[in-house]
Amino acid sequence: MSRPELRTPRTPRLSRLSRPARANLIALPLLIVVGLVWIYPFLWIVAGAFKTQTGLFTGGASLMPDQWNFDNFRRAWVDAGFSRYFFNTILYAVVSTVIELFKSALCGYILARYEFPGRKFLHRMIIATLFVPVASIIIPQFVLVERLGLLNTQAGVILAMSGAAGALYVLLFIGFFSGVPTDLFDAAKLDGAGFLRTFRLVLPLAKPVIAVVVIFQFITNWNEFNIPLVFTLGQPDLQNLAVGMLSFKGEHSVDWTGFAAGMTLSVIPMLIVFVFFQSYFVRGLAGATKE
């Protein structure tokens, strides 16, 4: 009789996977759960924008409205004045972001490519401003804007919102422009390009850094509360969406569903900006800080 053939036991497929692949199998479900927990409050706010006042409190953690109510958006846009606040917020966020972008790019370009007395000291002072709370400079800003005669004006709000040091953005541009080959600047100099022309030639190369600055600064300006509140106390019509949220708070009650609708409307532009610039976002954070 012939001996029965001995079969080698099959190696489980999981054990044949590489260590990074096994780690991904464990990390991916965990990250999905963490992501769902993280995004749930936002989804609950969006769902609350379509609920009735009673359904918001009786629905508990459910995301599905028991009765769809679109009047919340009309109440937020018309009654609470969000149409006016929305325009103000776009104006403040866009103009302040452009000013901050140009200011930080120009400062980073100079510190990266030019040698001058006090350069290292200025660099260290800019880094030191990272540890200064932004709220601590609102009083000097208020005095300055008042003496310029821009208090209770849109120009005053824009000036105050774009008056921060922007140290993080300057450091990102310093890291990027320091990595640009010197031959490019030498070629521009041989062609007779001056300071501003050379800056205009190399700035488009910094698209990843520009995307990071635009996303961070636009979101910061869009959600700004203190400056639009303090600098427009005499002109409430010039307030932005963040301050306009106070319209839903009455003397004895709060319009929570209208508040949820207002929050949903205010988030949409930020999502659009992030989606538009997301292709450059990761590259900007990864590449702009290299030496």
C-alpha atoms as a PDB file:
ATOM      1  CA  MET A   1       0.000   0.000   0.000  1.00  0.00           C
ATOM      2  CA  SER A   2       1.238   3.401  -0.859  1.00  0.00           C
ATOM      3  CA  ARG A   3       1.736   5.884   1.906  1.00  0.00           C
ATOM      4  CA  PRO A   4      -0.755   8.690   2.078  1.00  0.00           C
ATOM      5  CA  GLU A   5       0.695  11.985   0.962  1.00  0.00           C
ATOM      6  CA  LEU A   6       1.451  14.421   3.724  1.00  0.00           C
ATOM      7  CA  ARG A   7      -0.056  17.811   3.054  1.00  0.00           C
ATOM      8  CA  THR A   8       1.646  20.886   4.298  1.00  0.00           C
ATOM      9  CA  PRO A   9      -0.807  22.930   6.325  1.00  0.00           C
ATOM     10  CA  ARG A  10      -1.790  26.113   4.576  1.00  0.00           C
ATOM     11  CA  THR A  11      -0.486  29.318   6.003  1.00  0.00           C
ATOM     12  CA  PRO A  12      -3.331  31.601   6.960  1.00  0.00           C
ATOM     13  CA  ARG A  13      -3.641  34.511   4.595  1.00  0.00           C
ATOM     14  CA  LEU A  14      -3.441  37.005   7.428  1.00  0.00           C
ATOM     15  CA  SER A  15      -0.015  35.736   8.491  1.00  0.00           C
ATOM     16  CA  ARG A  16       1.263  36.071   4.922  1.00  0.00           C
ATOM     17  CA  LEU A  17       0.586  39.773   4.969  1.00  0.00           C
ATOM     18  CA  SER A  18       3.405  42.130   5.711  1.00  0.00           C
ATOM     19  CA  ARG A  19       3.587  43.845   9.074  1.00  0.00           C
ATOM     20  CA  PRO A  20       2.472  47.258   7.695  1.00  0.00           C
ATOM     21  CA  ALA A  21      -0.500  45.580   5.992  1.00  0.00           C
ATOM     22  CA  ARG A  22      -1.557  43.875   9.236  1.00  0.00           C
ATOM     23  CA  ALA A  23      -1.183  47.170  11.074  1.00  0.00           C
ATOM     24  CA  ASN A  24      -3.398  48.858   8.472  1.00  0.00           C
ATOM     25  CA  LEU A  25      -6.082  46.206   8.936  1.00  0.00           C
ATOM     26  CA  ILE A  26      -6.183  47.093  12.620  1.00  0.00           C
ATOM     27  CA  ALA A  27      -5.770  50.849  12.268  1.00  0.00           C
ATOM     28  CA  LEU A  28      -8.300  51.378   9.455  1.00  0.00           C
ATOM     29  CA  PRO A  29     -11.425  50.264  11.360  1.00  0.00           C
ATOM     30  CA  LEU A  30     -10.219  52.155  14.418  1.00  0.00           C
ATOM     31  CA  LEU A  31      -9.727  55.344  12.399  1.00  0.00           C
ATOM     32  CA  ILE A  32     -13.158  54.935  10.806  1.00  0.00           C
ATOM     33  CA  VAL A  33     -14.760  54.707  14.244  1.00  0.00           C
ATOM     34  CA  VAL A  34     -12.793  57.740  15.502  1.00  0.00           C
ATOM     35  CA  GLY A  35     -13.722  59.661  12.343  1.00  0.00           C
ATOM     36  CA  LEU A  36     -17.418  58.904  12.786  1.00  0.00           C
ATOM     37  CA  VAL A  37     -17.278  60.008  16.432  1.00  0.00           C
ATOM     38  CA  TRP A  38     -15.438  63.155  15.387  1.00  0.00           C
ATOM     39  CA  ILE A  39     -17.844  64.117  12.596  1.00  0.00           C
ATOM     40  CA  TYR A  40     -21.047  63.160  14.416  1.00  0.00           C
ATOM     41  CA  PRO A  41     -21.597  66.571  16.132  1.00  0.00           C
ATOM     42  CA  PHE A  42     -21.345  68.299  12.748  1.00  0.00           C
ATOM     43  CA  LEU A  43     -23.810  65.853  11.186  1.00  0.00           C
ATOM     44  CA  TRP A  44     -26.154  66.366  14.141  1.00  0.00           C
ATOM     45  CA  ILE A  45     -26.086  70.146  13.590  1.00  0.00           C
ATOM     46  CA  VAL A  46     -26.846  69.704   9.874  1.00  0.00           C
ATOM     47  CA  ALA A  47     -29.696  67.325  10.698  1.00  0.00           C
ATOM     48  CA  GLY A  48     -30.990  69.767  13.314  1.00  0.00           C
ATOM     49  CA  ALA A  49     -31.277  72.434  10.620  1.00  0.00           C
ATOM     50  CA  PHE A  50     -34.089  70.371   9.045  1.00  0.00           C
ATOM     51  CA  LYS A  51     -35.911  69.497  12.279  1.00  0.00           C
ATOM     52  CA  THR A  52     -38.697  71.219  14.116  1.00  0.00           C
ATOM     53  CA  GLN A  53     -38.014  72.786  17.492  1.00  0.00           C
ATOM     54  CA  THR A  54     -39.827  69.913  19.222  1.00  0.00           C
ATOM     55  CA  GLY A  55     -38.215  67.241  17.061  1.00  0.00           C
ATOM     56  CA  LEU A  56     -34.745  68.544  17.888  1.00  0.00           C
ATOM     57  CA  PHE A  57     -35.174  67.784  21.583  1.00  0.00           C
ATOM     58  CA  THR A  58     -37.322  64.665  21.308  1.00  0.00           C
ATOM     59  CA  GLY A  59     -35.246  63.032  18.568  1.00  0.00           C
ATOM     60  CA  GLY A  60     -32.272  62.443  20.858  1.00  0.00           C
ATOM     61  CA  ALA A  61     -29.159  61.322  18.982  1.00  0.00           C
ATOM     62  CA  SER A  62     -31.070  60.472  15.808  1.00  0.00           C
ATOM     63  CA  LEU A  63     -29.904  62.190  12.632  1.00  0.00           C
ATOM     64  CA  MET A  64     -33.175  61.688  10.739  1.00  0.00           C
ATOM     65  CA  PRO A  65     -35.785  64.430  11.178  1.00  0.00           C
ATOM     66  CA  ASP A  66     -39.226  63.203  12.140  1.00  0.00           C
ATOM     67  CA  GLN A  67     -40.642  66.068  10.085  1.00  0.00           C
ATOM     68  CA  TRP A  68     -38.659  68.008   7.500  1.00  0.00           C
ATOM     69  CA  ASN A  69     -38.724  71.730   8.186  1.00  0.00           C
ATOM     70  CA  PHE A  70     -37.087  74.059   5.628  1.00  0.00           C
ATOM     71  CA  ASP A  71     -38.436  77.194   7.279  1.00  0.00           C
ATOM     72  CA  ASN A  72     -35.362  77.219   9.529  1.00  0.00           C
ATOM     73  CA  PHE A  73     -33.204  78.398   6.625  1.00  0.00           C
ATOM     74  CA  ARG A  74     -35.672  81.157   5.687  1.00  0.00           C
ATOM     75  CA  ARG A  75     -35.740  82.299   9.310  1.00  0.00           C
ATOM     76  CA  ALA A  76     -31.949  82.351   9.458  1.00  0.00           C
ATOM     77  CA  TRP A  77     -31.433  84.051   6.093  1.00  0.00           C
ATOM     78  CA  VAL A  78     -34.213  86.650   6.321  1.00  0.00           C
ATOM     79  CA  ASP A  79     -35.355  87.136   9.907  1.00  0.00           C
ATOM     80  CA  ALA A  80     -31.923  86.843  11.547  1.00  0.00           C
ATOM     81  CA  GLY A  81     -30.287  88.933   8.807  1.00  0.00           C
ATOM     82  CA  PHE A  82     -27.863  86.279   7.595  1.00  0.00           C
ATOM     83  CA  SER A  83     -28.050  87.638   4.051  1.00  0.00           C
ATOM     84  CA  ARG A  84     -26.337  90.810   5.307  1.00  0.00           C
ATOM     85  CA  TYR A  85     -23.925  89.015   7.653  1.00  0.00           C
ATOM     86  CA  PHE A  86     -22.990  86.570   4.895  1.00  0.00           C
ATOM     87  CA  PHE A  87     -21.831  89.372   2.566  1.00  0.00           C
ATOM     88  CA  ASN A  88     -19.867  91.031   5.365  1.00  0.00           C
ATOM     89  CA  THR A  89     -18.160  87.760   6.265  1.00  0.00           C
ATOM     90  CA  ILE A  90     -17.138  87.052   2.674  1.00  0.00           C
ATOM     91  CA  LEU A  91     -15.731  90.567   2.334  1.00  0.00           C
ATOM     92  CA  TYR A  92     -13.768  90.380   5.592  1.00  0.00           C
ATOM     93  CA  ALA A  93     -12.460  86.848   4.996  1.00  0.00           C
ATOM     94  CA  VAL A  94     -11.421  87.302   1.359  1.00  0.00           C
ATOM     95  CA  VAL A  95      -9.779  90.730   1.625  1.00  0.00           C
ATOM     96  CA  SER A  96      -8.021  89.936   4.917  1.00  0.00           C
ATOM     97  CA  THR A  97      -6.730  86.649   3.508  1.00  0.00           C
ATOM     98  CA  VAL A  98      -5.325  88.368   0.409  1.00  0.00           C
ATOM     99  CA  ILE A  99      -3.588  90.996   2.539  1.00  0.00           C
ATOM    100  CA  GLU A 100      -2.170  88.381   4.919  1.00  0.00           C
ATOM    101  CA  LEU A 101      -1.014  86.214   2.010  1.00  0.00           C
ATOM    102  CA  PHE A 102       0.844  89.059   0.277  1.00  0.00           C
ATOM    103  CA  LYS A 103       2.333  90.323   3.547  1.00  0.00           C
ATOM    104  CA  SER A 104       3.617  86.938   4.741  1.00  0.00           C
ATOM    105  CA  ALA A 105       4.873  85.911   1.291  1.00  0.00           C
ATOM    106  CA  LEU A 106       6.831  89.142   0.877  1.00  0.00           C
ATOM    107  CA  CYS A 107       8.289  88.906   4.389  1.00  0.00           C
ATOM    108  CA  GLY A 108       9.246  85.249   3.924  1.00  0.00           C
ATOM    109  CA  TYR A 109      10.831  86.009   0.559  1.00  0.00           C
ATOM    110  CA  ILE A 110      13.018  88.783   1.986  1.00  0.00           C
ATOM    111  CA  LEU A 111      14.135  86.784   5.016  1.00  0.00           C
ATOM    112  CA  ALA A 112      14.937  83.742   2.864  1.00  0.00           C
ATOM    113  CA  ARG A 113      16.831  85.390   0.001  1.00  0.00           C
ATOM    114  CA  TYR A 114      18.422  88.586   1.353  1.00  0.00           C
ATOM    115  CA  GLU A 115      21.108  89.285   3.913  1.00  0.00           C
ATOM    116  CA  PHE A 116      20.794  92.532   5.869  1.00  0.00           C
ATOM    117  CA  PRO A 117      21.659  93.793   9.366  1.00  0.00           C
ATOM    118  CA  GLY A 118      19.228  92.514  11.990  1.00  0.00           C
ATOM    119  CA  ARG A 119      17.910  89.706   9.804  1.00  0.00           C
ATOM    120  CA  LYS A 120      18.408  86.985  12.433  1.00  0.00           C
ATOM    121  CA  PHE A 121      16.956  89.183  15.164  1.00  0.00           C
ATOM    122  CA  LEU A 122      13.868  89.897  13.047  1.00  0.00           C
ATOM    123  CA  HIS A 123      13.503  86.189  12.331  1.00  0.00           C
ATOM    124  CA  ARG A 124      13.590  85.386  16.043  1.00  0.00           C
ATOM    125  CA  MET A 125      11.103  88.140  16.848  1.00  0.00           C
ATOM    126  CA  ILE A 126       8.665  86.721  14.311  1.00  0.00           C
ATOM    127  CA  ILE A 127       9.011  83.283  15.889  1.00  0.00           C
ATOM    128  CA  ALA A 128       8.437  84.841  19.327  1.00  0.00           C
ATOM    129  CA  THR A 129       5.063  86.215  18.207  1.00  0.00           C
ATOM    130  CA  LEU A 130       3.820  82.623  17.940  1.00  0.00           C
ATOM    131  CA  PHE A 131       3.584  82.613  21.727  1.00  0.00           C
ATOM    132  CA  VAL A 132       1.615  85.868  21.964  1.00  0.00           C
ATOM    133  CA  PRO A 133      -2.172  85.340  22.265  1.00  0.00           C
ATOM    134  CA  VAL A 134      -3.997  87.120  19.460  1.00  0.00           C
ATOM    135  CA  ALA A 135      -6.659  88.378  21.876  1.00  0.00           C
ATOM    136  CA  SER A 136      -3.994  90.277  23.836  1.00  0.00           C
ATOM    137  CA  ILE A 137      -3.392  92.754  21.000  1.00  0.00           C
ATOM    138  CA  ILE A 138      -7.029  93.671  20.406  1.00  0.00           C
ATOM    139  CA  ILE A 139      -6.796  96.788  22.627  1.00  0.00           C
ATOM    140  CA  PRO A 140      -3.801  98.317  20.743  1.00  0.00           C
ATOM    141  CA  GLN A 141      -5.581  97.462  17.495  1.00  0.00           C
ATOM    142  CA  PHE A 142      -8.737  99.181  18.723  1.00  0.00           C
ATOM    143  CA  VAL A 143      -6.833 102.346  19.671  1.00  0.00           C
ATOM    144  CA  LEU A 144      -5.013 102.407  16.331  1.00  0.00           C
ATOM    145  CA  VAL A 145      -8.172 101.877  14.263  1.00  0.00           C
ATOM    146  CA  GLU A 146     -10.020 104.527  16.291  1.00  0.00           C
ATOM    147  CA  ARG A 147      -7.267 107.110  15.753  1.00  0.00           C
ATOM    148  CA  LEU A 148      -7.311 106.363  12.036  1.00  0.00           C
ATOM    149  CA  GLY A 149     -11.035 107.142  12.004  1.00  0.00           C
ATOM    150  CA  LEU A 150     -11.936 103.628  10.806  1.00  0.00           C
ATOM    151  CA  LEU A 151     -13.938 102.463  13.821  1.00  0.00           C
ATOM    152  CA  ASN A 152     -17.372 101.049  12.902  1.00  0.00           C
ATOM    153  CA  THR A 153     -16.329 100.667   9.266  1.00  0.00           C
ATOM    154  CA  GLN A 154     -15.616  97.633   7.088  1.00  0.00           C
ATOM    155  CA  ALA A 155     -12.113  98.932   6.383  1.00  0.00           C
ATOM    156  CA  GLY A 156     -11.365  99.032  10.111  1.00  0.00           C
ATOM    157  CA  VAL A 157     -12.480  95.433  10.592  1.00  0.00           C
ATOM    158  CA  ILE A 158     -10.392  94.280   7.625  1.00  0.00           C
ATOM    159  CA  LEU A 159      -7.340  96.175   8.876  1.00  0.00           C
ATOM    160  CA  ALA A 160      -7.647  94.626  12.341  1.00  0.00           C
ATOM    161  CA  MET A 161      -8.227  91.101  11.025  1.00  0.00           C
ATOM    162  CA  SER A 162      -5.203  91.273   8.722  1.00  0.00           C
ATOM    163  CA  GLY A 163      -2.967  92.985  11.281  1.00  0.00           C
ATOM    164  CA  ALA A 164      -1.734  89.877  13.068  1.00  0.00           C
ATOM    165  CA  ALA A 165       1.886  88.865  12.723  1.00  0.00           C
ATOM    166  CA  GLY A 166       1.179  85.730  10.657  1.00  0.00           C
ATOM    167  CA  ALA A 167       4.383  84.164  11.959  1.00  0.00           C
ATOM    168  CA  LEU A 168       3.473  80.631  10.935  1.00  0.00           C
ATOM    169  CA  TYR A 169       2.843  81.707   7.342  1.00  0.00           C
ATOM    170  CA  VAL A 170       6.107  83.650   7.221  1.00  0.00           C
ATOM    171  CA  LEU A 171       8.008  80.572   8.390  1.00  0.00           C
ATOM    172  CA  LEU A 172       6.324  78.433   5.724  1.00  0.00           C
ATOM    173  CA  PHE A 173       7.356  80.868   2.995  1.00  0.00           C
ATOM    174  CA  ILE A 174      10.890  81.101   4.393  1.00  0.00           C
ATOM    175  CA  GLY A 175      11.198  77.327   4.194  1.00  0.00           C
ATOM    176  CA  PHE A 176       9.920  77.255   0.635  1.00  0.00           C
ATOM    177  CA  PHE A 177      11.925  80.152  -0.809  1.00  0.00           C
ATOM    178  CA  SER A 178      15.085  78.859   0.887  1.00  0.00           C
ATOM    179  CA  GLY A 179      14.725  75.669  -1.159  1.00  0.00           C
ATOM    180  CA  VAL A 180      14.338  77.422  -4.521  1.00  0.00           C
ATOM    181  CA  PRO A 181      17.535  77.014  -6.605  1.00  0.00           C
ATOM    182  CA  THR A 182      19.759  80.077  -6.588  1.00  0.00           C
ATOM    183  CA  ASP A 183      20.247  79.723 -10.364  1.00  0.00           C
ATOM    184  CA  LEU A 184      16.646  80.839 -10.883  1.00  0.00           C
ATOM    185  CA  PHE A 185      17.280  84.125  -9.071  1.00  0.00           C
ATOM    186  CA  ASP A 186      20.590  84.617 -10.883  1.00  0.00           C
ATOM    187  CA  ALA A 187      18.868  84.115 -14.246  1.00  0.00           C
ATOM    188  CA  ALA A 188      16.176  86.644 -13.329  1.00  0.00           C
ATOM    189  CA  LYS A 189      18.863  89.113 -12.281  1.00  0.00           C
ATOM    190  CA  LEU A 190      20.719  88.672 -15.580  1.00  0.00           C
ATOM    191  CA  ASP A 191      17.475  89.384 -17.440  1.00  0.00           C
ATOM    192  CA  GLY A 192      17.224  92.692 -15.605  1.00  0.00           C
ATOM    193  CA  ALA A 193      14.408  91.707 -13.249  1.00  0.00           C
ATOM    194  CA  GLY A 194      14.188  93.889 -10.191  1.00  0.00           C
ATOM    195  CA  PHE A 195      13.035  93.023  -6.695  1.00  0.00           C
ATOM    196  CA  LEU A 196       9.278  93.052  -7.273  1.00  0.00           C
ATOM    197  CA  ARG A 197       9.481  91.383 -10.686  1.00  0.00           C
ATOM    198  CA  THR A 198      11.605  88.546  -9.315  1.00  0.00           C
ATOM    199  CA  PHE A 199       9.153  88.129  -6.464  1.00  0.00           C
ATOM    200  CA  ARG A 200       6.261  87.914  -8.931  1.00  0.00           C
ATOM    201  CA  LEU A 201       8.165  85.292 -10.942  1.00  0.00           C
ATOM    202  CA  VAL A 202       8.861  82.934  -8.037  1.00  0.00           C
ATOM    203  CA  LEU A 203       5.607  83.403  -6.102  1.00  0.00           C
ATOM    204  CA  PRO A 204       3.550  81.119  -8.409  1.00  0.00           C
ATOM    205  CA  LEU A 205       6.002  78.310  -7.595  1.00  0.00           C
ATOM    206  CA  ALA A 206       4.793  78.418  -3.981  1.00  0.00           C
ATOM    207  CA  LYS A 207       1.287  77.151  -4.784  1.00  0.00           C
ATOM    208  CA  PRO A 208       1.318  74.487  -2.025  1.00  0.00           C
ATOM    209  CA  VAL A 209       2.275  77.072   0.605  1.00  0.00           C
ATOM    210  CA  ILE A 210      -0.247  79.554  -0.781  1.00  0.00           C
ATOM    211  CA  ALA A 211      -2.942  76.890  -0.453  1.00  0.00           C
ATOM    212  CA  VAL A 212      -2.037  76.274   3.199  1.00  0.00           C
ATOM    213  CA  VAL A 213      -2.086  79.993   3.990  1.00  0.00           C
ATOM    214  CA  VAL A 214      -5.378  80.551   2.171  1.00  0.00           C
ATOM    215  CA  ILE A 215      -7.116  77.648   3.915  1.00  0.00           C
ATOM    216  CA  PHE A 216      -5.861  78.469   7.414  1.00  0.00           C
ATOM    217  CA  GLN A 217      -6.337  82.236   7.151  1.00  0.00           C
ATOM    218  CA  PHE A 218      -9.699  82.076   5.403  1.00  0.00           C
ATOM    219  CA  ILE A 219     -11.115  79.707   8.021  1.00  0.00           C
ATOM    220  CA  THR A 220      -9.658  81.848  10.827  1.00  0.00           C
ATOM    221  CA  ASN A 221     -11.140  85.038   9.371  1.00  0.00           C
ATOM    222  CA  TRP A 222     -14.451  83.366   8.614  1.00  0.00           C
ATOM    223  CA  ASN A 223     -14.847  82.224  12.228  1.00  0.00           C
ATOM    224  CA  GLU A 224     -13.476  85.412  13.802  1.00  0.00           C
ATOM    225  CA  PHE A 225     -15.719  86.664  16.593  1.00  0.00           C
ATOM    226  CA  ASN A 226     -13.896  89.186  18.787  1.00  0.00           C
ATOM    227  CA  ILE A 227     -12.791  91.725  16.167  1.00  0.00           C
ATOM    228  CA  PRO A 228     -16.100  92.020  14.260  1.00  0.00           C
ATOM    229  CA  LEU A 229     -17.928  92.313  17.594  1.00  0.00           C
ATOM    230  CA  VAL A 230     -15.678  94.930  19.226  1.00  0.00           C
ATOM    231  CA  PHE A 231     -15.011  97.042  16.126  1.00  0.00           C
ATOM    232  CA  THR A 232     -18.664  97.268  15.007  1.00  0.00           C
ATOM    233  CA  LEU A 233     -20.486  97.927  18.281  1.00  0.00           C
ATOM    234  CA  GLY A 234     -21.840 101.172  16.853  1.00  0.00           C
ATOM    235  CA  GLN A 235     -22.822  99.559  13.517  1.00  0.00           C
ATOM    236  CA  PRO A 236     -24.405  96.105  14.070  1.00  0.00           C
ATOM    237  CA  ASP A 237     -25.147  95.858  10.330  1.00  0.00           C
ATOM    238  CA  LEU A 238     -21.395  95.436   9.733  1.00  0.00           C
ATOM    239  CA  GLN A 239     -21.094  92.302  11.887  1.00  0.00           C
ATOM    240  CA  ASN A 240     -20.209  88.898  10.456  1.00  0.00           C
ATOM    241  CA  LEU A 241     -21.855  85.475  10.729  1.00  0.00           C
ATOM    242  CA  ALA A 242     -20.063  84.493  13.920  1.00  0.00           C
ATOM    243  CA  VAL A 243     -21.432  87.534  15.723  1.00  0.00           C
ATOM    244  CA  GLY A 244     -24.764  87.252  13.926  1.00  0.00           C
ATOM    245  CA  MET A 245     -25.354  83.891  15.628  1.00  0.00           C
ATOM    246  CA  LEU A 246     -26.326  85.920  18.694  1.00  0.00           C
ATOM    247  CA  SER A 247     -29.504  86.874  16.822  1.00  0.00           C
ATOM    248  CA  PHE A 248     -30.990  83.487  17.679  1.00  0.00           C
ATOM    249  CA  LYS A 249     -30.730  84.133  21.408  1.00  0.00           C
ATOM    250  CA  GLY A 250     -33.771  85.847  22.794  1.00  0.00           C
ATOM    251  CA  GLU A 251     -34.405  87.195  26.246  1.00  0.00           C
ATOM    252  CA  HIS A 252     -35.991  83.997  27.534  1.00  0.00           C
ATOM    253  CA  SER A 253     -35.369  81.396  24.815  1.00  0.00           C
ATOM    254  CA  VAL A 254     -33.013  80.303  22.027  1.00  0.00           C
ATOM    255  CA  ASP A 255     -34.028  79.388  18.477  1.00  0.00           C
ATOM    256  CA  TRP A 256     -31.926  76.236  18.304  1.00  0.00           C
ATOM    257  CA  THR A 257     -33.159  75.008  14.912  1.00  0.00           C
ATOM    258  CA  GLY A 258     -32.567  78.432  13.388  1.00  0.00           C
ATOM    259  CA  PHE A 259     -29.128  78.402  14.995  1.00  0.00           C
ATOM    260  CA  ALA A 260     -28.432  74.999  13.398  1.00  0.00           C
ATOM    261  CA  ALA A 261     -29.549  76.318  10.008  1.00  0.00           C
ATOM    262  CA  GLY A 262     -27.263  79.338  10.416  1.00  0.00           C
ATOM    263  CA  MET A 263     -24.348  77.093  11.339  1.00  0.00           C
ATOM    264  CA  THR A 264     -24.971  74.947   8.266  1.00  0.00           C
ATOM    265  CA  LEU A 265     -25.025  78.005   5.992  1.00  0.00           C
ATOM    266  CA  SER A 266     -21.811  79.352   7.521  1.00  0.00           C
ATOM    267  CA  VAL A 267     -19.895  76.095   7.021  1.00  0.00           C
ATOM    268  CA  ILE A 268     -20.573  75.743   3.279  1.00  0.00           C
ATOM    269  CA  PRO A 269     -18.037  78.387   2.060  1.00  0.00           C
ATOM    270  CA  MET A 270     -15.283  76.899   4.237  1.00  0.00           C
ATOM    271  CA  LEU A 271     -15.891  73.456   2.731  1.00  0.00           C
ATOM    272  CA  ILE A 272     -15.747  74.931  -0.779  1.00  0.00           C
ATOM    273  CA  VAL A 273     -12.413  76.644  -0.080  1.00  0.00           C
ATOM    274  CA  PHE A 274     -10.911  73.480   1.413  1.00  0.00           C
ATOM    275  CA  VAL A 275     -12.072  71.268  -1.479  1.00  0.00           C
ATOM    276  CA  PHE A 276     -10.709  73.752  -4.014  1.00  0.00           C
ATOM    277  CA  PHE A 277      -7.242  73.921  -2.420  1.00  0.00           C
ATOM    278  CA  GLN A 278      -6.963  70.423  -0.961  1.00  0.00           C
ATOM    279  CA  SER A 279      -4.739  69.113  -3.776  1.00  0.00           C
ATOM    280  CA  TYR A 280      -1.994  71.492  -2.615  1.00  0.00           C
ATOM    281  CA  PHE A 281      -2.716  71.335   1.110  1.00  0.00           C
ATOM    282  CA  VAL A 282      -0.692  68.255   2.156  1.00  0.00           C
ATOM    283  CA  ARG A 283       2.175  69.127  -0.178  1.00  0.00           C
ATOM    284  CA  GLY A 284       2.342  72.586   1.326  1.00  0.00           C
ATOM    285  CA  LEU A 285       2.591  71.313   4.895  1.00  0.00           C
ATOM    286  CA  ALA A 286       5.121  68.631   3.950  1.00  0.00           C
ATOM    287  CA  GLY A 287       7.313  70.587   1.589  1.00  0.00           C
ATOM    288  CA  ALA A 288       7.235  74.106   2.899  1.00  0.00           C
ATOM    289  CA  THR A 289       8.955  73.302   6.176  1.00  0.00           C
ATOM    290  CA  LYS A 290      11.947  71.437   4.779  1.00  0.00           C
ATOM    291  CA  GLU A 291      15.286  73.073   5.042  1.00  0.00           C
END
